[in-house]
N, C-alpha and C. Protein backbone atom coordinates (compact mmCIF):
# COMPACT_ATOMS: atom_id res chain seq x y z
N MET A 1 -3.18 13.77 3.02
CA MET A 1 -2.82 12.91 2.13
C MET A 1 -2.42 11.63 3.22
N VAL A 2 -3.14 10.74 3.17
CA VAL A 2 -2.52 9.36 3.74
C VAL A 2 -2.10 8.34 3.39
N LEU A 3 -0.96 7.96 3.80
CA LEU A 3 0.06 6.78 3.26
C LEU A 3 -0.51 5.49 4.32
N LEU A 4 -1.03 4.09 3.46
CA LEU A 4 -1.29 3.36 4.33
C LEU A 4 -0.79 2.19 3.34
N TYR A 5 0.08 1.67 4.28
CA TYR A 5 0.54 0.08 3.77
C TYR A 5 -0.67 -1.01 4.07
N ASN A 6 -0.90 -1.98 3.22
CA ASN A 6 -1.98 -3.02 3.98
C ASN A 6 -1.09 -4.37 3.53
N ILE A 7 -1.62 -5.23 4.52
CA ILE A 7 -1.36 -6.40 4.39
C ILE A 7 -1.87 -7.39 3.78
N SER A 8 -1.71 -7.84 2.22
CA SER A 8 -2.57 -8.83 1.59
C SER A 8 -2.06 -9.85 1.70
N GLU A 9 -3.04 -10.90 1.07
CA GLU A 9 -2.42 -12.02 1.09
C GLU A 9 -1.03 -12.55 0.57
N LYS A 10 -0.79 -11.89 -0.28
CA LYS A 10 0.56 -12.03 -1.27
C LYS A 10 1.78 -11.28 -0.59
N SER A 11 1.26 -10.22 0.46
CA SER A 11 2.54 -9.34 1.02
C SER A 11 3.93 -10.24 1.18
N ILE A 12 4.81 -9.80 0.95
CA ILE A 12 5.99 -10.31 0.78
C ILE A 12 6.69 -10.09 2.58
N ARG A 13 7.06 -11.09 3.38
CA ARG A 13 7.37 -10.58 4.78
C ARG A 13 8.64 -9.66 4.61
N GLN A 14 9.57 -9.73 4.13
CA GLN A 14 10.76 -9.09 3.78
C GLN A 14 9.88 -7.67 3.87
N LYS A 15 9.61 -7.34 2.81
CA LYS A 15 9.35 -5.90 2.64
C LYS A 15 8.05 -5.27 3.53
N LEU A 16 7.44 -6.18 4.08
CA LEU A 16 6.57 -5.72 5.24
C LEU A 16 7.33 -5.51 6.42
N PHE A 17 8.62 -5.98 6.57
CA PHE A 17 9.37 -5.61 7.91
C PHE A 17 9.93 -4.17 7.74
N VAL A 18 10.46 -4.33 6.23
CA VAL A 18 10.87 -3.00 5.84
C VAL A 18 10.11 -1.75 6.08
N TYR A 19 8.62 -1.68 5.52
CA TYR A 19 7.77 -1.30 5.77
C TYR A 19 7.38 -0.80 6.98
N LYS A 20 7.50 -1.44 7.99
CA LYS A 20 7.01 -1.35 9.28
C LYS A 20 8.17 -0.63 10.01
N SER A 21 9.57 -0.77 9.60
CA SER A 21 10.35 0.09 10.13
C SER A 21 10.37 1.34 9.76
N LYS A 22 9.91 1.77 8.32
CA LYS A 22 10.09 2.95 8.08
C LYS A 22 8.77 3.91 8.45
N VAL A 23 7.79 3.25 8.69
CA VAL A 23 6.62 3.95 9.42
C VAL A 23 7.01 4.45 10.86
N GLY A 24 7.74 4.09 11.32
CA GLY A 24 8.23 4.50 12.71
C GLY A 24 8.65 6.01 12.49
N LEU A 25 9.79 6.14 13.20
CA LEU A 25 10.64 7.33 13.51
C LEU A 25 11.19 7.74 12.05
N GLU A 26 11.84 6.58 11.67
CA GLU A 26 12.60 6.93 10.31
C GLU A 26 11.59 7.43 9.26
N GLY A 27 10.67 7.00 9.35
CA GLY A 27 9.25 7.07 8.16
C GLY A 27 9.17 8.65 8.24
N LYS A 28 8.79 9.14 9.63
CA LYS A 28 8.36 10.44 9.99
C LYS A 28 9.69 11.37 9.39
N LYS A 29 10.81 11.08 9.84
CA LYS A 29 11.89 11.99 8.93
C LYS A 29 11.75 11.80 7.67
N ILE A 30 11.92 11.19 7.18
CA ILE A 30 11.49 10.86 5.62
C ILE A 30 10.40 11.71 5.03
N ALA A 31 9.07 11.92 5.37
CA ALA A 31 8.10 12.41 5.52
C ALA A 31 8.27 14.05 5.56
N VAL A 32 8.89 14.52 6.66
CA VAL A 32 9.22 16.01 6.98
C VAL A 32 10.16 16.53 5.79
N SER A 33 11.07 15.67 5.78
CA SER A 33 12.29 15.68 4.83
C SER A 33 11.39 16.18 3.55
N ALA A 34 10.88 15.03 2.65
CA ALA A 34 9.91 15.13 1.63
C ALA A 34 9.19 16.61 1.60
N MET A 35 8.49 16.71 2.65
CA MET A 35 7.56 17.89 2.60
C MET A 35 8.42 18.92 2.23
N LYS A 36 9.34 19.39 3.36
CA LYS A 36 10.35 20.55 2.86
C LYS A 36 10.98 20.68 1.68
N GLN A 37 11.29 19.46 0.96
CA GLN A 37 11.92 19.92 -0.43
C GLN A 37 10.85 20.18 -1.29
N SER A 38 9.50 19.69 -1.29
CA SER A 38 8.57 19.75 -2.16
C SER A 38 7.54 21.14 -1.78
N LEU A 39 8.20 21.78 -1.04
CA LEU A 39 7.55 23.10 -0.82
C LEU A 39 6.12 22.98 -0.07
N LYS A 40 5.81 21.59 0.66
CA LYS A 40 4.33 21.43 1.05
C LYS A 40 4.10 21.74 2.25
N ALA A 41 2.90 22.47 2.54
CA ALA A 41 2.47 22.99 3.95
C ALA A 41 2.10 22.07 4.55
N PHE A 42 1.54 20.79 4.35
CA PHE A 42 1.34 19.75 5.20
C PHE A 42 2.14 18.29 4.93
N MET A 43 2.19 17.90 6.20
CA MET A 43 3.00 16.49 6.25
C MET A 43 1.83 15.47 6.13
N PRO A 44 2.25 14.52 5.05
CA PRO A 44 1.38 13.19 5.02
C PRO A 44 1.34 12.51 6.50
N ILE A 45 0.10 11.98 6.71
CA ILE A 45 0.25 10.80 7.67
C ILE A 45 0.32 9.42 7.03
N ILE A 46 1.20 8.71 7.90
CA ILE A 46 1.82 7.25 7.76
C ILE A 46 1.18 6.76 8.68
N ASN A 47 0.22 5.75 8.33
CA ASN A 47 -0.35 4.68 9.44
C ASN A 47 0.52 3.79 9.38
N GLN A 48 0.36 2.82 10.36
CA GLN A 48 0.82 1.37 10.36
C GLN A 48 0.30 0.45 9.31
N PRO A 49 1.08 -0.67 9.05
CA PRO A 49 0.70 -1.63 8.25
C PRO A 49 -0.80 -2.10 8.85
N THR A 50 -2.00 -2.30 7.75
CA THR A 50 -3.20 -2.96 8.33
C THR A 50 -3.66 -3.85 7.53
N PRO A 51 -4.17 -4.92 7.95
CA PRO A 51 -4.83 -6.02 7.26
C PRO A 51 -5.73 -5.53 5.88
N LEU A 52 -5.83 -6.04 4.82
CA LEU A 52 -6.42 -5.62 3.73
C LEU A 52 -7.84 -5.64 3.99
N ALA A 53 -8.34 -6.64 4.77
CA ALA A 53 -9.91 -6.68 4.85
C ALA A 53 -10.27 -5.54 5.61
N GLU A 54 -9.57 -5.12 6.60
CA GLU A 54 -9.92 -4.18 7.45
C GLU A 54 -10.28 -2.59 6.67
N VAL A 55 -9.03 -2.55 5.92
CA VAL A 55 -8.87 -1.39 4.75
C VAL A 55 -10.68 -1.45 4.26
N ILE A 56 -10.86 -2.60 3.36
CA ILE A 56 -11.84 -2.69 2.65
C ILE A 56 -13.00 -2.38 3.46
N ASP A 57 -13.23 -2.90 4.63
CA ASP A 57 -14.45 -3.03 5.23
C ASP A 57 -14.41 -1.68 5.95
N THR A 58 -13.53 -0.42 6.27
CA THR A 58 -13.86 0.38 6.70
C THR A 58 -14.47 1.65 6.17
N PRO A 59 -15.32 2.54 6.49
CA PRO A 59 -15.85 3.28 5.86
C PRO A 59 -15.19 4.37 5.37
N PHE A 60 -15.34 5.18 3.88
CA PHE A 60 -14.61 6.05 3.48
C PHE A 60 -15.55 6.88 2.61
N GLU A 61 -15.35 8.15 2.96
CA GLU A 61 -16.13 8.93 2.56
C GLU A 61 -15.38 9.59 1.19
N GLY A 62 -15.88 9.30 -0.18
CA GLY A 62 -15.12 9.50 -1.13
C GLY A 62 -15.16 7.96 -2.30
N GLN A 63 -14.66 8.35 -3.47
CA GLN A 63 -14.55 7.11 -4.07
C GLN A 63 -13.29 6.35 -4.04
N ARG A 64 -13.77 5.06 -4.25
CA ARG A 64 -13.04 3.74 -3.78
C ARG A 64 -12.57 2.91 -5.00
N PHE A 65 -11.13 2.75 -5.11
CA PHE A 65 -10.79 2.14 -6.32
C PHE A 65 -9.74 0.87 -5.77
N ILE A 66 -9.79 0.24 -6.63
CA ILE A 66 -9.06 -1.00 -6.90
C ILE A 66 -8.32 -1.23 -8.25
N ALA A 67 -6.66 -0.99 -8.09
CA ALA A 67 -6.21 -1.28 -9.15
C ALA A 67 -5.45 -2.51 -9.18
N TYR A 68 -5.71 -3.54 -10.21
CA TYR A 68 -5.08 -4.93 -10.20
C TYR A 68 -4.81 -5.31 -11.46
N CYS A 69 -3.87 -6.25 -11.60
CA CYS A 69 -3.17 -6.72 -13.00
C CYS A 69 -4.19 -7.77 -13.88
N ASP A 70 -4.72 -8.50 -13.03
CA ASP A 70 -5.63 -9.43 -14.00
C ASP A 70 -7.18 -8.99 -14.06
N GLY A 71 -7.81 -9.12 -15.17
CA GLY A 71 -9.08 -8.95 -15.50
C GLY A 71 -9.07 -7.91 -16.50
N GLU A 72 -10.42 -7.83 -17.48
CA GLU A 72 -10.65 -7.17 -18.46
C GLU A 72 -11.71 -6.40 -18.22
N HIS A 73 -12.38 -6.26 -17.19
CA HIS A 73 -13.23 -4.91 -17.18
C HIS A 73 -13.09 -4.14 -15.96
N ARG A 74 -11.78 -3.61 -16.15
CA ARG A 74 -11.26 -2.19 -15.38
C ARG A 74 -11.64 -1.07 -16.53
N THR A 75 -11.92 -0.31 -15.60
CA THR A 75 -11.70 1.38 -16.45
C THR A 75 -10.65 2.26 -16.31
N PRO A 76 -10.04 2.79 -17.05
CA PRO A 76 -9.15 3.63 -16.85
C PRO A 76 -9.29 4.58 -15.71
N LEU A 77 -8.41 5.04 -14.65
CA LEU A 77 -8.86 5.65 -13.70
C LEU A 77 -8.92 7.31 -13.98
N HIS A 78 -8.48 7.54 -15.07
CA HIS A 78 -8.95 9.20 -15.61
C HIS A 78 -10.38 9.24 -16.23
N ASP A 79 -10.72 8.12 -16.58
CA ASP A 79 -12.19 8.07 -16.96
C ASP A 79 -13.41 8.03 -15.86
N ILE A 80 -13.09 7.82 -14.74
CA ILE A 80 -14.19 7.51 -13.68
C ILE A 80 -13.84 8.44 -12.51
N TYR A 81 -12.55 8.93 -12.14
CA TYR A 81 -12.49 9.92 -11.07
C TYR A 81 -13.06 11.23 -10.93
N LYS A 82 -13.58 11.68 -10.32
CA LYS A 82 -14.07 12.90 -10.18
C LYS A 82 -13.22 13.91 -9.78
N PRO A 83 -12.42 14.73 -10.40
CA PRO A 83 -11.69 15.70 -9.88
C PRO A 83 -12.14 16.16 -8.67
N GLY A 84 -10.99 16.47 -7.56
CA GLY A 84 -11.26 17.20 -6.36
C GLY A 84 -11.98 16.39 -5.14
N SER A 85 -12.66 15.01 -5.50
CA SER A 85 -13.27 14.33 -4.63
C SER A 85 -12.22 13.58 -3.92
N ASN A 86 -12.84 13.14 -2.79
CA ASN A 86 -11.74 12.15 -2.02
C ASN A 86 -11.66 11.19 -2.68
N ALA A 87 -10.29 10.40 -2.49
CA ALA A 87 -10.06 9.26 -3.22
C ALA A 87 -9.37 8.09 -2.36
N LEU A 88 -9.97 6.75 -2.53
CA LEU A 88 -8.93 5.87 -1.87
C LEU A 88 -8.68 4.90 -3.03
N ILE A 89 -7.41 4.58 -3.31
CA ILE A 89 -6.81 3.41 -4.27
C ILE A 89 -6.28 2.17 -3.52
N LEU A 90 -6.54 1.03 -4.04
CA LEU A 90 -5.89 0.19 -3.30
C LEU A 90 -4.86 -0.51 -4.56
N ILE A 91 -3.66 -0.45 -4.18
CA ILE A 91 -2.55 -0.69 -5.35
C ILE A 91 -2.06 -1.83 -5.01
N GLY A 92 -2.24 -3.32 -5.72
CA GLY A 92 -1.73 -4.64 -5.55
C GLY A 92 -0.37 -4.72 -4.96
N PRO A 93 -0.45 -5.55 -4.46
CA PRO A 93 1.51 -5.99 -4.17
C PRO A 93 1.74 -6.95 -5.12
N GLU A 94 3.10 -7.48 -5.24
CA GLU A 94 3.82 -7.89 -6.08
C GLU A 94 3.05 -9.43 -6.18
N GLY A 95 2.82 -9.72 -7.21
CA GLY A 95 1.90 -10.94 -7.40
C GLY A 95 0.48 -10.34 -7.37
N ASP A 96 0.05 -9.14 -7.22
CA ASP A 96 -1.59 -8.97 -7.45
C ASP A 96 -2.07 -9.32 -6.05
N PHE A 97 -3.61 -8.88 -6.07
CA PHE A 97 -4.29 -9.23 -4.98
C PHE A 97 -4.76 -10.70 -5.44
N SER A 98 -5.17 -11.63 -4.31
CA SER A 98 -5.84 -12.75 -4.73
C SER A 98 -7.19 -12.59 -5.19
N GLN A 99 -7.92 -13.53 -6.00
CA GLN A 99 -8.96 -13.51 -6.34
C GLN A 99 -10.23 -13.07 -5.07
N GLN A 100 -9.95 -13.90 -3.87
CA GLN A 100 -10.83 -13.40 -3.01
C GLN A 100 -10.68 -12.06 -2.61
N GLU A 101 -9.55 -11.19 -2.43
CA GLU A 101 -9.22 -9.90 -2.05
C GLU A 101 -9.96 -9.20 -3.06
N ILE A 102 -9.96 -9.38 -4.43
CA ILE A 102 -10.37 -8.62 -5.16
C ILE A 102 -11.90 -8.71 -4.93
N SER A 103 -12.40 -9.60 -5.21
CA SER A 103 -13.90 -10.11 -5.22
C SER A 103 -14.53 -9.11 -3.81
N HIS A 104 -13.64 -9.32 -2.39
CA HIS A 104 -14.22 -8.82 -1.50
C HIS A 104 -14.52 -7.00 -1.65
N ALA A 105 -13.26 -6.56 -2.22
CA ALA A 105 -13.28 -5.10 -2.56
C ALA A 105 -14.38 -4.96 -3.60
N LEU A 106 -14.79 -5.53 -4.73
CA LEU A 106 -15.67 -5.48 -5.66
C LEU A 106 -17.13 -5.31 -4.92
N ALA A 107 -17.29 -6.26 -4.00
CA ALA A 107 -18.44 -6.41 -3.32
C ALA A 107 -18.84 -5.32 -2.40
N THR A 108 -17.90 -4.97 -1.84
CA THR A 108 -17.96 -3.40 -1.05
C THR A 108 -18.00 -1.96 -1.45
N GLY A 109 -17.97 -2.30 -2.96
CA GLY A 109 -18.19 -1.15 -3.65
C GLY A 109 -16.88 -0.43 -4.45
N PHE A 110 -15.79 -1.06 -4.39
CA PHE A 110 -14.71 -0.48 -4.66
C PHE A 110 -14.89 -0.55 -6.42
N LEU A 111 -14.48 0.28 -7.14
CA LEU A 111 -14.46 0.25 -8.65
C LEU A 111 -13.08 -0.28 -8.94
N PRO A 112 -13.07 -1.13 -10.22
CA PRO A 112 -11.59 -1.79 -10.73
C PRO A 112 -11.37 -0.75 -11.68
N VAL A 113 -10.14 -0.48 -11.57
CA VAL A 113 -9.25 0.71 -12.48
C VAL A 113 -8.16 -0.13 -13.05
N THR A 114 -7.78 0.50 -13.79
CA THR A 114 -6.38 0.68 -14.63
C THR A 114 -5.50 1.92 -14.48
N LEU A 115 -4.50 1.81 -14.48
CA LEU A 115 -3.75 2.93 -14.58
C LEU A 115 -2.73 3.29 -16.10
N GLY A 116 -3.17 2.43 -16.84
CA GLY A 116 -2.58 2.44 -18.13
C GLY A 116 -2.43 1.04 -18.50
N GLN A 117 -1.95 1.02 -19.87
CA GLN A 117 -1.91 -0.26 -20.75
C GLN A 117 -0.60 -1.12 -20.19
N TYR A 118 0.42 -0.38 -19.38
CA TYR A 118 1.39 -1.29 -19.16
C TYR A 118 1.03 -1.87 -17.63
N ARG A 119 2.16 -3.00 -17.21
CA ARG A 119 2.07 -3.37 -15.94
C ARG A 119 3.03 -2.46 -14.88
N LEU A 120 2.63 -2.11 -13.91
CA LEU A 120 3.63 -1.40 -13.25
C LEU A 120 4.09 -1.96 -11.81
N ARG A 121 5.27 -1.59 -11.61
CA ARG A 121 5.49 -2.35 -10.07
C ARG A 121 4.72 -1.78 -9.01
N THR A 122 4.39 -2.25 -7.78
CA THR A 122 3.55 -1.61 -6.91
C THR A 122 4.19 -0.09 -6.40
N GLU A 123 5.22 0.07 -6.23
CA GLU A 123 5.94 1.53 -6.09
C GLU A 123 5.25 2.48 -7.19
N THR A 124 5.77 2.21 -8.11
CA THR A 124 5.39 2.99 -9.45
C THR A 124 4.15 2.89 -9.39
N ALA A 125 3.14 2.26 -9.42
CA ALA A 125 1.97 2.33 -9.68
C ALA A 125 1.27 3.25 -8.26
N ALA A 126 1.64 3.22 -7.02
CA ALA A 126 1.19 3.99 -6.05
C ALA A 126 1.83 5.71 -6.19
N LEU A 127 2.97 5.65 -6.88
CA LEU A 127 3.22 7.16 -7.11
C LEU A 127 2.47 7.76 -8.44
N ALA A 128 2.30 6.87 -9.05
CA ALA A 128 1.38 7.21 -10.48
C ALA A 128 0.24 7.42 -10.00
N ALA A 129 -0.49 6.54 -9.08
CA ALA A 129 -2.05 7.13 -8.61
C ALA A 129 -2.05 8.64 -7.79
N THR A 130 -1.06 8.35 -7.07
CA THR A 130 -0.93 9.88 -6.50
C THR A 130 -0.43 10.97 -7.09
N ALA A 131 0.05 10.81 -8.06
CA ALA A 131 0.66 11.99 -8.88
C ALA A 131 -0.87 12.43 -9.79
N TYR A 132 -1.54 11.42 -10.11
CA TYR A 132 -2.77 11.76 -10.89
C TYR A 132 -3.76 12.56 -10.09
N PHE A 133 -4.03 11.98 -8.68
CA PHE A 133 -4.84 12.93 -7.80
C PHE A 133 -4.20 13.91 -7.63
N ASN A 134 -3.10 14.40 -7.30
CA ASN A 134 -2.73 15.90 -7.23
C ASN A 134 -2.69 16.76 -8.37
N LEU A 135 -2.38 16.36 -9.51
CA LEU A 135 -2.71 17.05 -10.73
C LEU A 135 -4.14 17.21 -10.98
N MET A 136 -5.18 16.66 -10.65
CA MET A 136 -6.38 16.69 -10.80
C MET A 136 -7.50 17.05 -9.82
N VAL A 137 -6.76 17.93 -8.91
CA VAL A 137 -7.14 18.64 -7.88
C VAL A 137 -7.71 19.90 -8.31
């Protein structure tokens, strides 16, 4: 598993600072502690914050999804995810992705998805997606 914080147009500077500080040594300590507590045999990779356009344009072997709040033409994740396949999901920041970011992702092959009928906080949406992928392996 790879955790990647992306920098979108609506990223909040304060939260970005917190993420950057946790990605360093503190982030590694948290990851090791979580790995031991959950009895997992591997430690997740935590990358530095990356501009969203760079994440979107980077080749990825697997299914690519974008979860955002606005829009009507989104499919529930559980209806299109192929269990066991590699998956990359973009979770919007507070305030959601900009229309330009959504259009860029869709134009490069990301599939628009919803995680359910309720609007989730960014942190909750990321955990919900991660839990779903882990359950469907």
